[in-house]
Amino acid sequence: MTEAKSTHTVRRGRIFPSIQWSEEKKAQWKAEKAEFKQRCKQIFKKLQPSLIETHYNWYVAVEPESGEYFINEDALVVAQMAHEKYPNVRLHVFRINETGVCGTI
């Protein structure tokens, strides 16, 4: 009896090697991401004291351009509500508690 030989070739490397980000572009992307989070966090910090009293451990999605926010018990629902009104806009979701995050490390 003969054994079947595998012709599978292991490919290593990037999926799209022609698309490479430079270190400058990576740094710019990280800076834009941090700046966006900071703008959302400023809005959340203003809302946090009043929301903790009424909606503890719920979720809030913040749209920083308009300053509008959406509240719900479920993180997926709050994101869906926000994306229905602002379909092509980046949003940030916080948990309404002392830290704004879901857990501790």
Protein backbone atom coordinates (compact mmCIF):
# COMPACT_ATOMS: atom_id res chain seq x y z
CA MET A 1 0.00 0.00 0.00
CA THR A 2 1.28 3.48 -0.82
CA GLU A 3 1.05 6.47 1.43
CA ALA A 4 -0.43 9.72 0.20
CA LYS A 5 2.04 12.56 0.27
CA SER A 6 0.90 15.96 1.37
CA THR A 7 1.38 18.75 -1.14
CA HIS A 8 0.37 21.44 1.36
CA THR A 9 2.88 24.27 1.48
CA VAL A 10 3.26 26.21 4.71
CA ARG A 11 3.15 29.91 3.95
CA ARG A 12 4.62 32.31 6.40
CA GLY A 13 4.33 36.07 6.39
CA ARG A 14 1.72 38.72 5.89
CA ILE A 15 -1.57 38.08 4.15
CA PHE A 16 -1.18 41.18 1.98
CA PRO A 17 2.57 41.81 1.76
CA SER A 18 2.05 44.72 -0.64
CA ILE A 19 0.16 46.64 2.08
CA GLN A 20 2.71 47.64 4.71
CA TRP A 21 2.36 50.53 7.15
CA SER A 22 5.40 52.62 7.90
CA GLU A 23 6.35 53.31 11.49
CA GLU A 24 5.18 56.91 11.03
CA LYS A 25 1.75 55.78 9.87
CA LYS A 26 1.46 53.34 12.80
CA ALA A 27 2.39 56.12 15.25
CA GLN A 28 -0.12 58.49 13.62
CA TRP A 29 -2.89 55.87 13.86
CA LYS A 30 -2.13 55.24 17.55
CA ALA A 31 -2.12 58.99 18.28
CA GLU A 32 -5.47 59.49 16.51
CA LYS A 33 -6.94 56.56 18.44
CA ALA A 34 -5.70 57.95 21.78
CA GLU A 35 -6.99 61.43 20.97
CA PHE A 36 -10.42 60.04 20.03
CA LYS A 37 -10.62 58.05 23.27
CA GLN A 38 -9.62 61.12 25.27
CA ARG A 39 -12.40 63.22 23.69
CA CYS A 40 -14.96 60.50 24.49
CA LYS A 41 -13.61 60.12 28.01
CA GLN A 42 -14.05 63.85 28.73
CA ILE A 43 -17.76 63.57 27.88
CA PHE A 44 -18.08 60.40 29.96
CA LYS A 45 -16.39 62.03 32.99
CA LYS A 46 -19.00 64.82 32.93
CA LEU A 47 -21.86 62.31 32.84
CA GLN A 48 -20.41 59.70 35.18
CA PRO A 49 -21.53 61.03 38.61
CA SER A 50 -25.19 61.38 37.66
CA LEU A 51 -25.31 58.13 35.68
CA ILE A 52 -23.74 56.05 38.46
CA GLU A 53 -26.65 56.92 40.72
CA THR A 54 -29.33 55.83 38.26
CA HIS A 55 -27.72 53.33 35.82
CA TYR A 56 -24.91 51.57 37.69
CA ASN A 57 -23.13 48.88 35.58
CA TRP A 58 -25.07 49.80 32.44
CA TYR A 59 -23.30 50.85 29.24
CA VAL A 60 -23.04 54.24 27.58
CA ALA A 61 -21.94 54.85 23.97
CA VAL A 62 -20.49 58.30 23.34
CA GLU A 63 -20.34 60.13 20.00
CA PRO A 64 -17.73 62.87 20.59
CA GLU A 65 -18.57 65.22 17.69
CA SER A 66 -22.14 65.94 18.83
CA GLY A 67 -21.63 65.01 22.49
CA GLU A 68 -24.65 62.72 22.28
CA TYR A 69 -24.73 59.50 24.25
CA PHE A 70 -26.86 56.35 24.42
CA ILE A 71 -27.57 54.23 27.51
CA ASN A 72 -28.66 50.59 27.83
CA GLU A 73 -28.09 47.52 30.02
CA ASP A 74 -26.56 45.55 27.13
CA ALA A 75 -23.35 46.64 25.42
CA LEU A 76 -24.41 45.29 22.02
CA VAL A 77 -27.78 47.03 22.18
CA VAL A 78 -26.24 50.37 23.13
CA ALA A 79 -23.78 50.10 20.22
CA GLN A 80 -26.61 49.19 17.86
CA MET A 81 -28.69 52.16 19.05
CA ALA A 82 -25.78 54.51 18.47
CA HIS A 83 -24.97 53.10 15.03
CA GLU A 84 -28.60 53.43 13.94
CA LYS A 85 -28.44 57.18 14.49
CA TYR A 86 -24.79 57.61 13.44
CA PRO A 87 -24.12 54.79 10.94
CA ASN A 88 -20.64 55.76 9.72
CA VAL A 89 -19.18 57.36 12.84
CA ARG A 90 -16.73 55.99 15.39
CA LEU A 91 -18.14 55.57 18.88
CA HIS A 92 -16.71 54.57 22.23
CA VAL A 93 -18.57 52.43 24.77
CA PHE A 94 -17.97 52.79 28.50
CA ARG A 95 -19.39 50.88 31.45
CA ILE A 96 -21.11 53.13 33.96
CA ASN A 97 -19.09 52.52 37.11
CA GLU A 98 -16.21 54.15 38.95
CA THR A 99 -13.58 53.20 36.35
CA GLY A 100 -15.56 53.14 33.09
CA VAL A 101 -14.34 49.64 32.23
CA CYS A 102 -15.84 46.18 32.63
CA GLY A 103 -13.38 44.59 35.02
CA THR A 104 -10.07 44.80 36.79
CA ILE A 105 -6.70 43.31 35.97
